[in-house]
Amino acid sequence: MIRLHLPQPLSAGAAIAPTLDQSRYLTQVMRLKLNDALLVFNGVDGEWRATIAEVLKKGVILRAEEQVRPQTHGPDLELIVAVVKKARVETIVEKAAELGAARVRLAITQRTNVEHVRLDRLDAIAIEAAEQTGRLDVPVIEDPQKLGVLLDGWDGDPGSGRRLMFCDETGGAPVASAVTQPGPWAILIGPEGGFSPEERERLRALPFTTAVSLGPRILRADTAAIAAMTLWQAAVGDWDR
């Protein structure tokens, strides 16, 4: 059944107004008509069965009928990735959403060559991935931030308890043996040129960092992100659900 993310309150009998693009998708692409059903979610109120209550000249009105799944959340996992070329960062956001990341934070490192991203495009990709994979929330995509600033903020909040899995291309422990603690984690993926020696030295010295290896081969950023999240999921993620 068609699923739509609609950031509006959901409750029995609530009227919901999709965007014009969503309305066109429902009526012109999927050919839904009056009283046809679909699923909607907003990341807060669970998943609801809704029907098309009105077909207007511009858009449609939906009516929430019943909740079919209560709200749940995936693992408390953040993906931090250095900004790379457009196609690769879009792939990273899509796969992070599919694999259940709660947040994607974009970092600018000393060797980052691309600093501009279209957050609206990345948000749309994350929403579409959430709609297609059945998750009940959408990962937050954050503005690019310098890696040093990001780590300074981390140091300033020691009570958060979030560990950082630092994927170091120069070597580290296998993920399966290094990442065993449950609880909040973040995964850090560097740029295509790798981390600078200064960045690597600082990262390895941080008390909340666990340096890991993703194997004997040098991986591109998008491949590394997918591999790292998969290995983390296998170690402490939610694959058993």
C-alpha atoms as a PDB file:
ATOM      1  CA  MET A   1       0.000   0.000   0.000  1.00  0.00           C
ATOM      2  CA  ILE A   2       1.134   3.566  -0.699  1.00  0.00           C
ATOM      3  CA  ARG A   3       2.847   5.267   2.275  1.00  0.00           C
ATOM      4  CA  LEU A   4       3.231   9.016   2.713  1.00  0.00           C
ATOM      5  CA  HIS A   5       5.106  11.045   5.289  1.00  0.00           C
ATOM      6  CA  LEU A   6       2.861  13.922   6.363  1.00  0.00           C
ATOM      7  CA  PRO A   7       4.174  16.190   9.143  1.00  0.00           C
ATOM      8  CA  GLN A   8       0.698  16.875  10.540  1.00  0.00           C
ATOM      9  CA  PRO A   9      -1.048  15.583  13.703  1.00  0.00           C
ATOM     10  CA  LEU A  10      -2.651  12.181  13.202  1.00  0.00           C
ATOM     11  CA  SER A  11      -5.689  10.969  15.131  1.00  0.00           C
ATOM     12  CA  ALA A  12      -8.960   9.216  14.367  1.00  0.00           C
ATOM     13  CA  GLY A  13     -11.052  11.388  12.048  1.00  0.00           C
ATOM     14  CA  ALA A  14      -8.347  14.005  11.504  1.00  0.00           C
ATOM     15  CA  ALA A  15      -8.371  15.777   8.149  1.00  0.00           C
ATOM     16  CA  ILE A  16      -4.961  15.829   6.482  1.00  0.00           C
ATOM     17  CA  ALA A  17      -3.867  18.018   3.601  1.00  0.00           C
ATOM     18  CA  PRO A  18      -0.994  16.608   1.514  1.00  0.00           C
ATOM     19  CA  THR A  19       1.169  18.987  -0.470  1.00  0.00           C
ATOM     20  CA  LEU A  20       0.200  19.706  -4.060  1.00  0.00           C
ATOM     21  CA  ASP A  21       2.994  17.436  -5.310  1.00  0.00           C
ATOM     22  CA  GLN A  22       1.844  14.621  -3.010  1.00  0.00           C
ATOM     23  CA  SER A  23      -1.751  15.104  -4.166  1.00  0.00           C
ATOM     24  CA  ARG A  24      -0.690  14.891  -7.801  1.00  0.00           C
ATOM     25  CA  TYR A  25       1.288  11.755  -7.024  1.00  0.00           C
ATOM     26  CA  LEU A  26      -1.764  10.132  -5.449  1.00  0.00           C
ATOM     27  CA  THR A  27      -4.299  11.035  -8.126  1.00  0.00           C
ATOM     28  CA  GLN A  28      -2.260  11.321 -11.321  1.00  0.00           C
ATOM     29  CA  VAL A  29       0.547   8.819 -10.819  1.00  0.00           C
ATOM     30  CA  MET A  30      -1.041   6.208  -8.562  1.00  0.00           C
ATOM     31  CA  ARG A  31      -4.593   6.862  -9.868  1.00  0.00           C
ATOM     32  CA  LEU A  32      -6.226   6.831  -6.443  1.00  0.00           C
ATOM     33  CA  LYS A  33      -9.830   7.944  -6.265  1.00  0.00           C
ATOM     34  CA  LEU A  34     -12.368   8.974  -3.634  1.00  0.00           C
ATOM     35  CA  ASN A  35     -12.423   6.600  -0.632  1.00  0.00           C
ATOM     36  CA  ASP A  36      -9.258   4.769  -1.737  1.00  0.00           C
ATOM     37  CA  ALA A  37      -6.893   3.916   1.148  1.00  0.00           C
ATOM     38  CA  LEU A  38      -3.234   4.588   1.880  1.00  0.00           C
ATOM     39  CA  LEU A  39      -0.908   4.677   4.880  1.00  0.00           C
ATOM     40  CA  VAL A  40       0.429   7.876   6.455  1.00  0.00           C
ATOM     41  CA  PHE A  41       2.935   8.613   9.221  1.00  0.00           C
ATOM     42  CA  ASN A  42       4.472  11.699  10.811  1.00  0.00           C
ATOM     43  CA  GLY A  43       7.265  10.346  13.027  1.00  0.00           C
ATOM     44  CA  VAL A  44       5.263  10.948  16.213  1.00  0.00           C
ATOM     45  CA  ASP A  45       1.817   9.346  16.104  1.00  0.00           C
ATOM     46  CA  GLY A  46       2.599   5.996  14.506  1.00  0.00           C
ATOM     47  CA  GLU A  47       1.236   4.776  11.193  1.00  0.00           C
ATOM     48  CA  TRP A  48      -2.383   5.355  10.194  1.00  0.00           C
ATOM     49  CA  ARG A  49      -4.720   4.047   7.549  1.00  0.00           C
ATOM     50  CA  ALA A  50      -6.236   7.008   5.737  1.00  0.00           C
ATOM     51  CA  THR A  51      -8.679   7.430   2.885  1.00  0.00           C
ATOM     52  CA  ILE A  52      -9.156  10.086   0.251  1.00  0.00           C
ATOM     53  CA  ALA A  53     -12.085  12.084   1.645  1.00  0.00           C
ATOM     54  CA  GLU A  54     -12.206  14.909  -0.929  1.00  0.00           C
ATOM     55  CA  VAL A  55     -10.797  15.465  -4.399  1.00  0.00           C
ATOM     56  CA  LEU A  56     -10.401  19.178  -5.057  1.00  0.00           C
ATOM     57  CA  LYS A  57      -9.371  21.109  -8.149  1.00  0.00           C
ATOM     58  CA  LYS A  58      -5.977  21.530  -6.562  1.00  0.00           C
ATOM     59  CA  GLY A  59      -5.079  18.741  -4.208  1.00  0.00           C
ATOM     60  CA  VAL A  60      -6.916  16.238  -2.046  1.00  0.00           C
ATOM     61  CA  ILE A  61      -7.995  15.955   1.574  1.00  0.00           C
ATOM     62  CA  LEU A  62      -7.299  12.745   3.480  1.00  0.00           C
ATOM     63  CA  ARG A  63      -9.059  11.450   6.565  1.00  0.00           C
ATOM     64  CA  ALA A  64      -7.227   9.379   9.177  1.00  0.00           C
ATOM     65  CA  GLU A  65      -9.271   6.257   9.927  1.00  0.00           C
ATOM     66  CA  GLU A  66      -7.335   4.037  12.350  1.00  0.00           C
ATOM     67  CA  GLN A  67      -3.845   3.521  13.694  1.00  0.00           C
ATOM     68  CA  VAL A  68      -2.272   0.377  12.267  1.00  0.00           C
ATOM     69  CA  ARG A  69       1.120   0.609  14.030  1.00  0.00           C
ATOM     70  CA  PRO A  70       2.116   2.482  17.182  1.00  0.00           C
ATOM     71  CA  GLN A  71       5.100   4.806  17.017  1.00  0.00           C
ATOM     72  CA  THR A  72       8.476   3.091  17.306  1.00  0.00           C
ATOM     73  CA  HIS A  73      12.021   4.298  16.784  1.00  0.00           C
ATOM     74  CA  GLY A  74      15.075   2.546  15.450  1.00  0.00           C
ATOM     75  CA  PRO A  75      18.511   2.391  17.055  1.00  0.00           C
ATOM     76  CA  ASP A  76      20.000   5.584  18.475  1.00  0.00           C
ATOM     77  CA  LEU A  77      22.593   5.864  15.720  1.00  0.00           C
ATOM     78  CA  GLU A  78      24.018   8.931  14.010  1.00  0.00           C
ATOM     79  CA  LEU A  79      26.039   8.865  10.811  1.00  0.00           C
ATOM     80  CA  ILE A  80      28.674  11.584  10.488  1.00  0.00           C
ATOM     81  CA  VAL A  81      30.131  11.774   7.004  1.00  0.00           C
ATOM     82  CA  ALA A  82      32.459  14.204   5.315  1.00  0.00           C
ATOM     83  CA  VAL A  83      30.794  16.063   2.465  1.00  0.00           C
ATOM     84  CA  VAL A  84      31.563  14.368  -0.849  1.00  0.00           C
ATOM     85  CA  LYS A  85      30.284  14.772  -4.401  1.00  0.00           C
ATOM     86  CA  LYS A  86      26.555  15.194  -4.931  1.00  0.00           C
ATOM     87  CA  ALA A  87      25.723  11.703  -6.205  1.00  0.00           C
ATOM     88  CA  ARG A  88      27.665   9.989  -3.437  1.00  0.00           C
ATOM     89  CA  VAL A  89      26.270  12.074  -0.588  1.00  0.00           C
ATOM     90  CA  GLU A  90      22.769  11.433  -1.920  1.00  0.00           C
ATOM     91  CA  THR A  91      23.469   7.690  -1.915  1.00  0.00           C
ATOM     92  CA  ILE A  92      24.784   7.932   1.642  1.00  0.00           C
ATOM     93  CA  VAL A  93      21.656   9.723   2.873  1.00  0.00           C
ATOM     94  CA  GLU A  94      19.359   7.245   1.112  1.00  0.00           C
ATOM     95  CA  LYS A  95      21.136   4.176   2.534  1.00  0.00           C
ATOM     96  CA  ALA A  96      21.441   5.721   5.999  1.00  0.00           C
ATOM     97  CA  ALA A  97      17.665   6.166   6.017  1.00  0.00           C
ATOM     98  CA  GLU A  98      17.135   2.609   4.812  1.00  0.00           C
ATOM     99  CA  LEU A  99      19.448   1.227   7.514  1.00  0.00           C
ATOM    100  CA  GLY A 100      17.684   3.129  10.293  1.00  0.00           C
ATOM    101  CA  ALA A 101      20.014   6.013  11.159  1.00  0.00           C
ATOM    102  CA  ALA A 102      18.286   8.586  13.332  1.00  0.00           C
ATOM    103  CA  ARG A 103      20.439  11.477  12.097  1.00  0.00           C
ATOM    104  CA  VAL A 104      22.945  12.260   9.346  1.00  0.00           C
ATOM    105  CA  ARG A 105      25.481  14.950  10.197  1.00  0.00           C
ATOM    106  CA  LEU A 106      27.607  16.374   7.378  1.00  0.00           C
ATOM    107  CA  ALA A 107      31.191  17.273   8.262  1.00  0.00           C
ATOM    108  CA  ILE A 108      33.806  19.472   6.623  1.00  0.00           C
ATOM    109  CA  THR A 109      37.300  18.060   7.121  1.00  0.00           C
ATOM    110  CA  GLN A 110      40.705  19.393   6.153  1.00  0.00           C
ATOM    111  CA  ARG A 111      40.593  17.382   2.927  1.00  0.00           C
ATOM    112  CA  THR A 112      36.967  18.036   2.031  1.00  0.00           C
ATOM    113  CA  ASN A 113      36.722  19.315  -1.550  1.00  0.00           C
ATOM    114  CA  VAL A 114      32.946  19.906  -1.656  1.00  0.00           C
ATOM    115  CA  GLU A 115      31.239  22.139   0.892  1.00  0.00           C
ATOM    116  CA  HIS A 116      27.891  23.008  -0.720  1.00  0.00           C
ATOM    117  CA  VAL A 117      24.934  20.653  -0.443  1.00  0.00           C
ATOM    118  CA  ARG A 118      21.220  21.015  -1.106  1.00  0.00           C
ATOM    119  CA  LEU A 119      19.577  20.107   2.165  1.00  0.00           C
ATOM    120  CA  ASP A 120      16.100  20.246   0.628  1.00  0.00           C
ATOM    121  CA  ARG A 121      17.135  17.577  -1.876  1.00  0.00           C
ATOM    122  CA  LEU A 122      18.687  15.409   0.862  1.00  0.00           C
ATOM    123  CA  ASP A 123      15.578  15.792   3.042  1.00  0.00           C
ATOM    124  CA  ALA A 124      13.408  14.647   0.118  1.00  0.00           C
ATOM    125  CA  ILE A 125      15.640  11.600  -0.412  1.00  0.00           C
ATOM    126  CA  ALA A 126      15.444  10.694   3.279  1.00  0.00           C
ATOM    127  CA  ILE A 127      11.643  11.018   3.282  1.00  0.00           C
ATOM    128  CA  GLU A 128      11.260   8.848   0.176  1.00  0.00           C
ATOM    129  CA  ALA A 129      13.529   6.174   1.667  1.00  0.00           C
ATOM    130  CA  ALA A 130      11.515   6.184   4.897  1.00  0.00           C
ATOM    131  CA  GLU A 131       8.256   5.870   2.968  1.00  0.00           C
ATOM    132  CA  GLN A 132       9.547   2.925   0.947  1.00  0.00           C
ATOM    133  CA  THR A 133      11.211   0.982   3.760  1.00  0.00           C
ATOM    134  CA  GLY A 134       8.395   1.045   6.299  1.00  0.00           C
ATOM    135  CA  ARG A 135      10.159   3.014   9.029  1.00  0.00           C
ATOM    136  CA  LEU A 136       7.953   5.305  11.099  1.00  0.00           C
ATOM    137  CA  ASP A 137      10.276   8.287  11.299  1.00  0.00           C
ATOM    138  CA  VAL A 138      12.600  10.228   9.004  1.00  0.00           C
ATOM    139  CA  PRO A 139      16.280  10.836   9.772  1.00  0.00           C
ATOM    140  CA  VAL A 140      17.306  14.413  10.464  1.00  0.00           C
ATOM    141  CA  ILE A 141      19.828  15.813   7.956  1.00  0.00           C
ATOM    142  CA  GLU A 142      22.029  18.524   9.435  1.00  0.00           C
ATOM    143  CA  ASP A 143      23.909  21.406   7.810  1.00  0.00           C
ATOM    144  CA  PRO A 144      27.612  20.828   7.109  1.00  0.00           C
ATOM    145  CA  GLN A 145      29.797  21.665  10.088  1.00  0.00           C
ATOM    146  CA  LYS A 146      33.569  21.709  10.494  1.00  0.00           C
ATOM    147  CA  LEU A 147      34.795  18.496  12.059  1.00  0.00           C
ATOM    148  CA  GLY A 148      36.726  20.377  14.735  1.00  0.00           C
ATOM    149  CA  VAL A 149      33.630  22.323  15.775  1.00  0.00           C
ATOM    150  CA  LEU A 150      31.603  19.132  15.890  1.00  0.00           C
ATOM    151  CA  LEU A 151      34.171  17.446  18.134  1.00  0.00           C
ATOM    152  CA  ASP A 152      34.436  20.539  20.369  1.00  0.00           C
ATOM    153  CA  GLY A 153      30.699  20.321  20.983  1.00  0.00           C
ATOM    154  CA  TRP A 154      31.027  16.636  21.747  1.00  0.00           C
ATOM    155  CA  ASP A 155      33.746  17.316  24.326  1.00  0.00           C
ATOM    156  CA  GLY A 156      31.518  19.939  25.899  1.00  0.00           C
ATOM    157  CA  ASP A 157      28.710  17.455  26.454  1.00  0.00           C
ATOM    158  CA  PRO A 158      30.326  14.474  28.210  1.00  0.00           C
ATOM    159  CA  GLY A 159      27.007  13.475  29.738  1.00  0.00           C
ATOM    160  CA  SER A 160      25.520  12.445  26.404  1.00  0.00           C
ATOM    161  CA  GLY A 161      27.222   9.068  26.577  1.00  0.00           C
ATOM    162  CA  ARG A 162      27.366   8.743  22.787  1.00  0.00           C
ATOM    163  CA  ARG A 163      30.310   6.704  21.542  1.00  0.00           C
ATOM    164  CA  LEU A 164      32.013   7.529  18.242  1.00  0.00           C
ATOM    165  CA  MET A 165      32.975   4.691  15.904  1.00  0.00           C
ATOM    166  CA  PHE A 166      35.870   6.213  13.957  1.00  0.00           C
ATOM    167  CA  CYS A 167      36.414   4.363  10.677  1.00  0.00           C
ATOM    168  CA  ASP A 168      40.167   4.754  10.170  1.00  0.00           C
ATOM    169  CA  GLU A 169      41.585   3.670   6.815  1.00  0.00           C
ATOM    170  CA  THR A 170      45.035   3.253   8.406  1.00  0.00           C
ATOM    171  CA  GLY A 171      43.766   0.480  10.667  1.00  0.00           C
ATOM    172  CA  GLY A 172      41.819  -0.329  13.779  1.00  0.00           C
ATOM    173  CA  ALA A 173      40.054  -3.143  15.555  1.00  0.00           C
ATOM    174  CA  PRO A 174      37.384  -5.239  13.788  1.00  0.00           C
ATOM    175  CA  VAL A 175      33.941  -3.770  14.369  1.00  0.00           C
ATOM    176  CA  ALA A 176      32.561  -7.023  15.795  1.00  0.00           C
ATOM    177  CA  SER A 177      35.069  -7.019  18.650  1.00  0.00           C
ATOM    178  CA  ALA A 178      35.413  -3.258  19.184  1.00  0.00           C
ATOM    179  CA  VAL A 179      31.750  -2.260  19.194  1.00  0.00           C
ATOM    180  CA  THR A 180      29.993  -4.268  21.872  1.00  0.00           C
ATOM    181  CA  GLN A 181      28.317  -1.676  24.086  1.00  0.00           C
ATOM    182  CA  PRO A 182      24.638  -0.919  23.455  1.00  0.00           C
ATOM    183  CA  GLY A 183      23.324   2.597  23.686  1.00  0.00           C
ATOM    184  CA  PRO A 184      23.846   5.709  21.578  1.00  0.00           C
ATOM    185  CA  TRP A 185      26.541   5.587  18.910  1.00  0.00           C
ATOM    186  CA  ALA A 186      27.783   7.681  16.003  1.00  0.00           C
ATOM    187  CA  ILE A 187      29.747   6.470  12.987  1.00  0.00           C
ATOM    188  CA  LEU A 188      32.336   8.766  11.404  1.00  0.00           C
ATOM    189  CA  ILE A 189      33.277   8.423   7.724  1.00  0.00           C
ATOM    190  CA  GLY A 190      36.003  10.606   6.221  1.00  0.00           C
ATOM    191  CA  PRO A 191      36.427  12.255   2.811  1.00  0.00           C
ATOM    192  CA  GLU A 192      37.741  10.587  -0.331  1.00  0.00           C
ATOM    193  CA  GLY A 193      41.262  11.737   0.523  1.00  0.00           C
ATOM    194  CA  GLY A 194      41.088  10.378   4.052  1.00  0.00           C
ATOM    195  CA  PHE A 195      41.602  12.182   7.333  1.00  0.00           C
ATOM    196  CA  SER A 196      44.646  14.389   7.816  1.00  0.00           C
ATOM    197  CA  PRO A 197      47.309  13.218  10.295  1.00  0.00           C
ATOM    198  CA  GLU A 198      46.211  15.960  12.713  1.00  0.00           C
ATOM    199  CA  GLU A 199      42.565  14.912  12.539  1.00  0.00           C
ATOM    200  CA  ARG A 200      43.446  11.250  12.986  1.00  0.00           C
ATOM    201  CA  GLU A 201      45.658  11.999  15.991  1.00  0.00           C
ATOM    202  CA  ARG A 202      42.929  14.010  17.678  1.00  0.00           C
ATOM    203  CA  LEU A 203      40.234  11.435  16.963  1.00  0.00           C
ATOM    204  CA  ARG A 204      42.289   8.585  18.381  1.00  0.00           C
ATOM    205  CA  ALA A 205      43.028  10.579  21.539  1.00  0.00           C
ATOM    206  CA  LEU A 206      39.386  11.290  22.372  1.00  0.00           C
ATOM    207  CA  PRO A 207      37.992   9.265  25.301  1.00  0.00           C
ATOM    208  CA  PHE A 208      34.680   8.540  23.568  1.00  0.00           C
ATOM    209  CA  THR A 209      36.203   7.280  20.296  1.00  0.00           C
ATOM    210  CA  THR A 210      36.615   3.675  19.153  1.00  0.00           C
ATOM    211  CA  ALA A 211      38.856   3.322  16.077  1.00  0.00           C
ATOM    212  CA  VAL A 212      37.810   0.490  13.764  1.00  0.00           C
ATOM    213  CA  SER A 213      38.849  -1.005  10.456  1.00  0.00           C
ATOM    214  CA  LEU A 214      36.475  -1.765   7.588  1.00  0.00           C
ATOM    215  CA  GLY A 215      38.804  -4.345   6.089  1.00  0.00           C
ATOM    216  CA  PRO A 216      41.929  -4.494   3.930  1.00  0.00           C
ATOM    217  CA  ARG A 217      40.643  -2.369   1.044  1.00  0.00           C
ATOM    218  CA  ILE A 218      40.299   1.407   0.759  1.00  0.00           C
ATOM    219  CA  LEU A 219      36.593   2.150   0.299  1.00  0.00           C
ATOM    220  CA  ARG A 220      34.909   5.168  -1.230  1.00  0.00           C
ATOM    221  CA  ALA A 221      32.883   7.237   1.218  1.00  0.00           C
ATOM    222  CA  ASP A 222      29.482   5.902   0.165  1.00  0.00           C
ATOM    223  CA  THR A 223      30.645   2.272   0.260  1.00  0.00           C
ATOM    224  CA  ALA A 224      32.351   2.855   3.605  1.00  0.00           C
ATOM    225  CA  ALA A 225      29.190   4.364   5.102  1.00  0.00           C
ATOM    226  CA  ILE A 226      27.058   1.409   4.023  1.00  0.00           C
ATOM    227  CA  ALA A 227      29.637  -1.140   5.187  1.00  0.00           C
ATOM    228  CA  ALA A 228      30.138   0.584   8.543  1.00  0.00           C
ATOM    229  CA  MET A 229      26.418   0.823   9.280  1.00  0.00           C
ATOM    230  CA  THR A 230      25.910  -2.805   8.277  1.00  0.00           C
ATOM    231  CA  LEU A 231      28.724  -4.002  10.543  1.00  0.00           C
ATOM    232  CA  TRP A 232      27.417  -1.857  13.403  1.00  0.00           C
ATOM    233  CA  GLN A 233      23.902  -3.206  12.906  1.00  0.00           C
ATOM    234  CA  ALA A 234      25.228  -6.755  13.010  1.00  0.00           C
ATOM    235  CA  ALA A 235      27.103  -6.023  16.252  1.00  0.00           C
ATOM    236  CA  VAL A 236      24.644  -3.959  18.327  1.00  0.00           C
ATOM    237  CA  GLY A 237      21.836  -2.866  16.000  1.00  0.00           C
ATOM    238  CA  ASP A 238      18.237  -3.934  15.661  1.00  0.00           C
ATOM    239  CA  TRP A 239      18.499  -6.797  13.190  1.00  0.00           C
ATOM    240  CA  ASP A 240      17.045  -9.243  15.730  1.00  0.00           C
ATOM    241  CA  ARG A 241      13.673  -7.432  15.748  1.00  0.00           C
END
